[in-house]
N, C-alpha and C. Protein backbone atom coordinates (compact mmCIF):
# COMPACT_ATOMS: atom_id res chain seq x y z
N MET A 1 -101.82 126.38 -274.44
CA MET A 1 -103.01 127.13 -274.82
C MET A 1 -104.02 127.06 -273.68
N THR A 2 -104.73 128.12 -273.50
CA THR A 2 -105.72 128.23 -272.42
C THR A 2 -106.86 127.23 -272.60
N ARG A 3 -107.18 126.52 -271.54
CA ARG A 3 -108.35 125.64 -271.53
C ARG A 3 -109.54 126.49 -271.08
N ILE A 4 -110.67 126.34 -271.76
CA ILE A 4 -111.85 127.13 -271.44
C ILE A 4 -112.99 126.21 -271.04
N ASP A 5 -113.59 126.49 -269.87
CA ASP A 5 -114.73 125.74 -269.38
C ASP A 5 -115.94 126.65 -269.31
N PHE A 6 -117.02 126.24 -269.98
CA PHE A 6 -118.30 126.92 -269.86
C PHE A 6 -119.16 126.11 -268.91
N TYR A 7 -119.81 126.80 -267.98
CA TYR A 7 -120.75 126.18 -267.05
C TYR A 7 -122.11 126.78 -267.38
N ARG A 8 -123.01 125.96 -267.92
CA ARG A 8 -124.30 126.50 -268.38
C ARG A 8 -125.45 126.07 -267.49
N TYR A 9 -126.51 126.86 -267.57
CA TYR A 9 -127.74 126.67 -266.81
C TYR A 9 -127.57 127.02 -265.33
N ALA A 10 -126.73 128.00 -265.04
CA ALA A 10 -126.56 128.44 -263.66
C ALA A 10 -127.78 129.26 -263.25
N GLY A 11 -128.50 128.81 -262.25
CA GLY A 11 -129.69 129.52 -261.78
C GLY A 11 -129.34 130.87 -261.18
N ASP A 12 -128.31 130.91 -260.34
CA ASP A 12 -127.83 132.14 -259.73
C ASP A 12 -126.35 132.24 -260.10
N LYS A 13 -126.06 133.06 -261.09
CA LYS A 13 -124.72 133.16 -261.65
C LYS A 13 -123.68 133.57 -260.59
N GLN A 14 -124.04 134.57 -259.77
CA GLN A 14 -123.10 135.04 -258.76
C GLN A 14 -122.81 133.96 -257.71
N ARG A 15 -123.84 133.27 -257.26
CA ARG A 15 -123.65 132.21 -256.27
C ARG A 15 -122.80 131.08 -256.85
N PHE A 16 -123.05 130.73 -258.11
CA PHE A 16 -122.24 129.68 -258.74
C PHE A 16 -120.79 130.14 -258.89
N ALA A 17 -120.59 131.41 -259.18
CA ALA A 17 -119.23 131.95 -259.27
C ALA A 17 -118.53 131.84 -257.92
N CYS A 18 -119.26 132.09 -256.84
CA CYS A 18 -118.69 131.90 -255.49
C CYS A 18 -118.30 130.44 -255.27
N ARG A 19 -119.16 129.53 -255.70
CA ARG A 19 -118.84 128.09 -255.56
C ARG A 19 -117.57 127.75 -256.33
N LEU A 20 -117.44 128.27 -257.56
CA LEU A 20 -116.24 127.99 -258.36
C LEU A 20 -114.98 128.57 -257.70
N ALA A 21 -115.08 129.78 -257.18
CA ALA A 21 -113.92 130.39 -256.51
C ALA A 21 -113.53 129.57 -255.27
N ALA A 22 -114.52 129.13 -254.50
CA ALA A 22 -114.23 128.31 -253.32
C ALA A 22 -113.62 126.97 -253.71
N LYS A 23 -114.14 126.37 -254.77
CA LYS A 23 -113.61 125.09 -255.24
C LYS A 23 -112.16 125.24 -255.70
N ALA A 24 -111.87 126.31 -256.42
CA ALA A 24 -110.49 126.55 -256.86
C ALA A 24 -109.58 126.75 -255.66
N PHE A 25 -110.04 127.52 -254.68
CA PHE A 25 -109.25 127.73 -253.47
C PHE A 25 -109.00 126.40 -252.75
N ASP A 26 -110.02 125.56 -252.65
CA ASP A 26 -109.88 124.25 -252.01
C ASP A 26 -108.86 123.37 -252.72
N SER A 27 -108.72 123.54 -254.03
CA SER A 27 -107.78 122.71 -254.79
C SER A 27 -106.43 123.41 -254.96
N ALA A 28 -106.20 124.47 -254.19
CA ALA A 28 -104.93 125.21 -254.19
C ALA A 28 -104.67 125.95 -255.50
N SER A 29 -105.70 126.20 -256.29
CA SER A 29 -105.55 127.02 -257.48
C SER A 29 -105.71 128.49 -257.09
N ARG A 30 -105.07 129.33 -257.85
CA ARG A 30 -105.23 130.77 -257.64
C ARG A 30 -106.14 131.31 -258.74
N VAL A 31 -107.06 132.18 -258.38
CA VAL A 31 -108.10 132.64 -259.29
C VAL A 31 -108.12 134.16 -259.38
N VAL A 32 -108.27 134.65 -260.60
CA VAL A 32 -108.57 136.06 -260.82
C VAL A 32 -110.01 136.11 -261.28
N VAL A 33 -110.84 136.84 -260.55
CA VAL A 33 -112.24 137.04 -260.93
C VAL A 33 -112.30 138.39 -261.64
N TYR A 34 -112.70 138.36 -262.90
CA TYR A 34 -112.67 139.56 -263.74
C TYR A 34 -114.07 140.05 -264.07
N ALA A 35 -114.26 141.35 -263.92
CA ALA A 35 -115.45 142.04 -264.41
C ALA A 35 -115.04 143.49 -264.65
N PRO A 36 -115.28 144.01 -265.84
CA PRO A 36 -114.93 145.41 -266.08
C PRO A 36 -115.81 146.40 -265.32
N ASP A 37 -116.97 145.94 -264.85
CA ASP A 37 -117.92 146.77 -264.12
C ASP A 37 -117.60 146.70 -262.62
N ALA A 38 -117.26 147.83 -262.02
CA ALA A 38 -116.89 147.88 -260.60
C ALA A 38 -118.03 147.39 -259.70
N LYS A 39 -119.27 147.66 -260.07
CA LYS A 39 -120.41 147.22 -259.26
C LYS A 39 -120.51 145.70 -259.23
N VAL A 40 -120.25 145.05 -260.35
CA VAL A 40 -120.28 143.58 -260.40
C VAL A 40 -119.23 143.02 -259.44
N LEU A 41 -118.03 143.60 -259.45
CA LEU A 41 -116.98 143.12 -258.54
C LEU A 41 -117.32 143.41 -257.09
N ALA A 42 -117.88 144.57 -256.80
CA ALA A 42 -118.27 144.89 -255.43
C ALA A 42 -119.35 143.93 -254.93
N ASP A 43 -120.31 143.62 -255.79
CA ASP A 43 -121.36 142.66 -255.42
C ASP A 43 -120.77 141.27 -255.19
N PHE A 44 -119.81 140.89 -256.03
CA PHE A 44 -119.18 139.58 -255.88
C PHE A 44 -118.36 139.53 -254.58
N ASP A 45 -117.68 140.62 -254.27
CA ASP A 45 -116.92 140.71 -253.02
C ASP A 45 -117.84 140.46 -251.83
N ARG A 46 -118.99 141.15 -251.80
CA ARG A 46 -119.97 140.94 -250.72
C ARG A 46 -120.48 139.50 -250.70
N ALA A 47 -120.72 138.95 -251.87
CA ALA A 47 -121.25 137.58 -251.96
C ALA A 47 -120.24 136.57 -251.39
N LEU A 48 -118.95 136.77 -251.65
CA LEU A 48 -117.94 135.85 -251.11
C LEU A 48 -117.91 135.87 -249.58
N TRP A 49 -118.22 137.01 -249.00
CA TRP A 49 -118.24 137.11 -247.54
C TRP A 49 -119.42 136.39 -246.93
N THR A 50 -120.51 136.23 -247.69
CA THR A 50 -121.75 135.74 -247.10
C THR A 50 -122.30 134.43 -247.67
N PHE A 51 -121.71 133.93 -248.74
CA PHE A 51 -122.36 132.78 -249.40
C PHE A 51 -122.29 131.49 -248.60
N GLN A 52 -121.35 131.36 -247.68
CA GLN A 52 -121.30 130.21 -246.77
C GLN A 52 -121.05 130.73 -245.36
N ALA A 53 -121.90 130.36 -244.45
CA ALA A 53 -121.81 130.88 -243.08
C ALA A 53 -120.63 130.33 -242.30
N THR A 54 -120.12 129.17 -242.65
CA THR A 54 -119.11 128.51 -241.83
C THR A 54 -117.70 128.54 -242.41
N ARG A 55 -117.49 129.29 -243.49
CA ARG A 55 -116.13 129.35 -244.03
C ARG A 55 -115.87 130.66 -244.72
N PHE A 56 -114.61 130.90 -245.00
CA PHE A 56 -114.17 132.13 -245.65
C PHE A 56 -113.29 131.78 -246.82
N VAL A 57 -113.50 132.42 -247.95
CA VAL A 57 -112.63 132.28 -249.11
C VAL A 57 -111.76 133.54 -249.17
N PRO A 58 -110.46 133.41 -248.90
CA PRO A 58 -109.58 134.58 -248.89
C PRO A 58 -109.57 135.26 -250.26
N HIS A 59 -109.85 136.56 -250.26
CA HIS A 59 -109.90 137.31 -251.50
C HIS A 59 -109.61 138.79 -251.24
N CYS A 60 -109.19 139.48 -252.30
CA CYS A 60 -108.98 140.93 -252.21
C CYS A 60 -108.97 141.49 -253.63
N PHE A 61 -108.99 142.79 -253.72
CA PHE A 61 -108.91 143.44 -255.03
C PHE A 61 -107.46 143.45 -255.51
N ALA A 62 -107.29 143.51 -256.82
CA ALA A 62 -105.96 143.40 -257.43
C ALA A 62 -105.00 144.49 -256.97
N ASP A 63 -105.52 145.66 -256.61
CA ASP A 63 -104.64 146.75 -256.20
C ASP A 63 -104.28 146.72 -254.70
N SER A 64 -104.71 145.68 -254.00
CA SER A 64 -104.40 145.55 -252.59
C SER A 64 -102.95 145.12 -252.39
N PRO A 65 -102.29 145.62 -251.36
CA PRO A 65 -100.92 145.15 -251.06
C PRO A 65 -100.87 143.64 -250.77
N ALA A 66 -101.99 143.06 -250.35
CA ALA A 66 -102.04 141.63 -250.03
C ALA A 66 -102.25 140.75 -251.27
N ALA A 67 -102.47 141.34 -252.42
CA ALA A 67 -102.81 140.57 -253.63
C ALA A 67 -101.80 139.46 -253.98
N PRO A 68 -100.50 139.68 -253.89
CA PRO A 68 -99.57 138.60 -254.25
C PRO A 68 -99.71 137.33 -253.41
N GLU A 69 -100.21 137.46 -252.17
CA GLU A 69 -100.36 136.30 -251.29
C GLU A 69 -101.79 135.79 -251.21
N THR A 70 -102.71 136.42 -251.90
CA THR A 70 -104.12 136.09 -251.78
C THR A 70 -104.55 135.18 -252.94
N PRO A 71 -105.24 134.08 -252.65
CA PRO A 71 -105.58 133.11 -253.71
C PRO A 71 -106.69 133.55 -254.66
N VAL A 72 -107.59 134.44 -254.23
CA VAL A 72 -108.67 134.90 -255.09
C VAL A 72 -108.56 136.41 -255.22
N ILE A 73 -108.35 136.87 -256.45
CA ILE A 73 -108.14 138.28 -256.75
C ILE A 73 -109.33 138.80 -257.55
N LEU A 74 -109.83 139.97 -257.20
CA LEU A 74 -110.91 140.62 -257.94
C LEU A 74 -110.29 141.74 -258.77
N ALA A 75 -110.55 141.69 -260.09
CA ALA A 75 -109.88 142.64 -260.99
C ALA A 75 -110.83 143.18 -262.05
N HIS A 76 -110.67 144.44 -262.38
CA HIS A 76 -111.47 145.06 -263.45
C HIS A 76 -110.67 145.24 -264.72
N SER A 77 -109.40 144.81 -264.71
CA SER A 77 -108.56 144.85 -265.91
C SER A 77 -107.49 143.76 -265.80
N GLY A 78 -106.68 143.65 -266.83
CA GLY A 78 -105.61 142.67 -266.82
C GLY A 78 -104.28 143.24 -266.37
N GLU A 79 -104.30 144.45 -265.85
CA GLU A 79 -103.07 145.13 -265.43
C GLU A 79 -102.60 144.64 -264.06
N ALA A 80 -101.30 144.41 -263.94
CA ALA A 80 -100.63 144.12 -262.67
C ALA A 80 -101.27 142.98 -261.88
N LEU A 81 -101.60 141.91 -262.55
CA LEU A 81 -102.17 140.74 -261.86
C LEU A 81 -101.04 139.91 -261.26
N PRO A 82 -101.21 139.41 -260.03
CA PRO A 82 -100.12 138.68 -259.37
C PRO A 82 -99.94 137.24 -259.83
N HIS A 83 -100.92 136.68 -260.53
CA HIS A 83 -100.81 135.31 -261.02
C HIS A 83 -101.72 135.11 -262.23
N HIS A 84 -101.48 134.03 -262.95
CA HIS A 84 -102.23 133.75 -264.18
C HIS A 84 -102.62 132.28 -264.27
N ASP A 85 -103.17 131.76 -263.18
CA ASP A 85 -103.60 130.36 -263.15
C ASP A 85 -105.00 130.23 -263.77
N VAL A 86 -106.01 130.67 -263.03
CA VAL A 86 -107.41 130.53 -263.44
C VAL A 86 -108.05 131.92 -263.51
N LEU A 87 -108.76 132.16 -264.59
CA LEU A 87 -109.51 133.42 -264.77
C LEU A 87 -110.99 133.09 -264.80
N LEU A 88 -111.75 133.70 -263.92
CA LEU A 88 -113.20 133.53 -263.87
C LEU A 88 -113.82 134.82 -264.42
N ASN A 89 -114.47 134.72 -265.57
CA ASN A 89 -115.02 135.89 -266.24
C ASN A 89 -116.46 136.16 -265.79
N LEU A 90 -116.69 137.32 -265.20
CA LEU A 90 -118.04 137.75 -264.85
C LEU A 90 -118.51 138.88 -265.78
N GLY A 91 -117.72 139.18 -266.80
CA GLY A 91 -118.10 140.21 -267.76
C GLY A 91 -118.96 139.64 -268.87
N ASP A 92 -119.57 140.54 -269.64
CA ASP A 92 -120.42 140.13 -270.76
C ASP A 92 -119.63 139.78 -272.01
N GLU A 93 -118.41 140.30 -272.12
CA GLU A 93 -117.55 140.06 -273.27
C GLU A 93 -116.37 139.18 -272.85
N TRP A 94 -115.63 138.70 -273.84
CA TRP A 94 -114.44 137.92 -273.53
C TRP A 94 -113.38 138.87 -272.96
N PRO A 95 -112.64 138.41 -271.95
CA PRO A 95 -111.58 139.25 -271.37
C PRO A 95 -110.41 139.38 -272.35
N PRO A 96 -109.97 140.58 -272.66
CA PRO A 96 -108.92 140.76 -273.67
C PRO A 96 -107.60 140.07 -273.34
N PHE A 97 -107.36 139.76 -272.09
CA PHE A 97 -106.09 139.19 -271.64
C PHE A 97 -106.20 137.71 -271.26
N PHE A 98 -107.30 137.04 -271.62
CA PHE A 98 -107.56 135.67 -271.15
C PHE A 98 -106.47 134.69 -271.57
N ALA A 99 -105.83 134.91 -272.71
CA ALA A 99 -104.84 133.95 -273.23
C ALA A 99 -103.59 133.85 -272.36
N SER A 100 -103.42 134.77 -271.42
CA SER A 100 -102.26 134.69 -270.52
C SER A 100 -102.52 133.76 -269.33
N PHE A 101 -103.72 133.18 -269.27
CA PHE A 101 -104.10 132.28 -268.18
C PHE A 101 -104.08 130.83 -268.64
N GLU A 102 -103.83 129.92 -267.70
CA GLU A 102 -103.88 128.49 -267.99
C GLU A 102 -105.30 128.02 -268.26
N ARG A 103 -106.26 128.65 -267.55
CA ARG A 103 -107.65 128.21 -267.65
C ARG A 103 -108.58 129.40 -267.53
N LEU A 104 -109.68 129.35 -268.28
CA LEU A 104 -110.71 130.38 -268.24
C LEU A 104 -112.04 129.73 -267.92
N LEU A 105 -112.77 130.30 -266.95
CA LEU A 105 -114.09 129.79 -266.57
C LEU A 105 -115.14 130.81 -266.99
N GLU A 106 -116.16 130.32 -267.69
CA GLU A 106 -117.28 131.15 -268.14
C GLU A 106 -118.56 130.56 -267.56
N ILE A 107 -119.39 131.39 -266.96
CA ILE A 107 -120.66 130.94 -266.39
C ILE A 107 -121.79 131.49 -267.25
N VAL A 108 -122.74 130.61 -267.58
CA VAL A 108 -123.87 131.00 -268.41
C VAL A 108 -125.15 130.81 -267.60
N ALA A 109 -125.88 131.91 -267.41
CA ALA A 109 -127.15 131.85 -266.69
C ALA A 109 -128.22 131.23 -267.59
N ALA A 110 -129.36 130.95 -267.01
CA ALA A 110 -130.44 130.30 -267.75
C ALA A 110 -131.25 131.27 -268.61
N ASP A 111 -131.08 132.60 -268.43
CA ASP A 111 -131.88 133.55 -269.20
C ASP A 111 -131.32 133.72 -270.62
N GLU A 112 -132.19 134.08 -271.53
CA GLU A 112 -131.85 134.17 -272.95
C GLU A 112 -130.80 135.23 -273.26
N VAL A 113 -130.84 136.35 -272.57
CA VAL A 113 -129.86 137.42 -272.82
C VAL A 113 -128.46 136.93 -272.50
N ASP A 114 -128.30 136.30 -271.34
CA ASP A 114 -126.99 135.80 -270.94
C ASP A 114 -126.54 134.66 -271.86
N LYS A 115 -127.46 133.79 -272.25
CA LYS A 115 -127.12 132.70 -273.18
C LYS A 115 -126.61 133.26 -274.50
N ASP A 116 -127.26 134.30 -275.00
CA ASP A 116 -126.85 134.90 -276.27
C ASP A 116 -125.45 135.50 -276.17
N ARG A 117 -125.16 136.19 -275.09
CA ARG A 117 -123.80 136.74 -274.88
C ARG A 117 -122.77 135.62 -274.79
N ALA A 118 -123.13 134.55 -274.09
CA ALA A 118 -122.21 133.41 -273.96
C ALA A 118 -121.95 132.74 -275.31
N ARG A 119 -122.98 132.66 -276.15
CA ARG A 119 -122.79 132.08 -277.49
C ARG A 119 -121.76 132.89 -278.28
N GLY A 120 -121.82 134.19 -278.13
CA GLY A 120 -120.83 135.05 -278.80
C GLY A 120 -119.42 134.80 -278.31
N ARG A 121 -119.26 134.66 -277.00
CA ARG A 121 -117.93 134.36 -276.44
C ARG A 121 -117.46 132.99 -276.89
N TYR A 122 -118.37 132.01 -276.86
CA TYR A 122 -118.03 130.65 -277.29
C TYR A 122 -117.53 130.67 -278.73
N ALA A 123 -118.27 131.34 -279.62
CA ALA A 123 -117.88 131.41 -281.04
C ALA A 123 -116.52 132.08 -281.20
N PHE A 124 -116.28 133.11 -280.43
CA PHE A 124 -114.99 133.80 -280.47
C PHE A 124 -113.85 132.84 -280.14
N TYR A 125 -113.99 132.11 -279.04
CA TYR A 125 -112.94 131.17 -278.61
C TYR A 125 -112.80 130.02 -279.61
N LYS A 126 -113.90 129.48 -280.06
CA LYS A 126 -113.89 128.34 -280.98
C LYS A 126 -113.19 128.70 -282.29
N LYS A 127 -113.49 129.87 -282.81
CA LYS A 127 -112.89 130.33 -284.07
C LYS A 127 -111.37 130.41 -283.96
N ARG A 128 -110.87 130.65 -282.76
CA ARG A 128 -109.43 130.78 -282.54
C ARG A 128 -108.78 129.47 -282.11
N GLY A 129 -109.57 128.39 -282.08
CA GLY A 129 -109.01 127.06 -281.83
C GLY A 129 -108.77 126.67 -280.39
N TYR A 130 -109.41 127.34 -279.46
CA TYR A 130 -109.22 127.01 -278.05
C TYR A 130 -109.92 125.71 -277.67
N ASP A 131 -109.36 125.04 -276.67
CA ASP A 131 -109.90 123.80 -276.12
C ASP A 131 -111.05 124.17 -275.19
N ILE A 132 -112.29 123.88 -275.63
CA ILE A 132 -113.48 124.30 -274.89
C ILE A 132 -114.21 123.08 -274.34
N HIS A 133 -114.60 123.17 -273.09
CA HIS A 133 -115.39 122.14 -272.44
C HIS A 133 -116.68 122.77 -271.93
N VAL A 134 -117.79 122.08 -272.12
CA VAL A 134 -119.09 122.58 -271.69
C VAL A 134 -119.60 121.67 -270.57
N ASN A 135 -119.97 122.28 -269.46
CA ASN A 135 -120.44 121.56 -268.28
C ASN A 135 -121.82 122.06 -267.91
N ASP A 136 -122.73 121.17 -267.62
CA ASP A 136 -124.06 121.57 -267.14
C ASP A 136 -124.01 121.70 -265.63
N VAL A 137 -124.55 122.80 -265.12
CA VAL A 137 -124.59 123.05 -263.69
C VAL A 137 -125.67 122.18 -263.06
N GLU A 138 -125.30 121.54 -261.99
CA GLU A 138 -126.27 120.71 -261.24
C GLU A 138 -126.57 121.38 -259.92
N GLY A 139 -127.84 121.57 -259.65
CA GLY A 139 -128.24 122.14 -258.37
C GLY A 139 -128.06 123.59 -258.20
């Protein structure tokens, strides 16, 4: 069953998502970053290029020919994904295909709107019996 980790109180959700993707890459995990909104994925793509000046996190979009060999995949759907290790959700709703992954990461910003959406996702997962861990973001 999929393990779900919520990271709450993220000051900058996108920057924290970059940190999580880099950490997964450092630990040899493969990550799919999901957002149904193309603009969110495009912004995240740019953020991965610039969030650290001295390193690069290899990433590409799911439809790229390089996707099977790339550790961080950006996807707007669950179609034709090259791996199912870690799913990082940047969408407002739960990803419909999350159960095919070993682990799901959810980031919760400090604002009330994002907290409310996260509570809905948490309740959805909890009601279905998933193993949920809540982590407070530091720094």
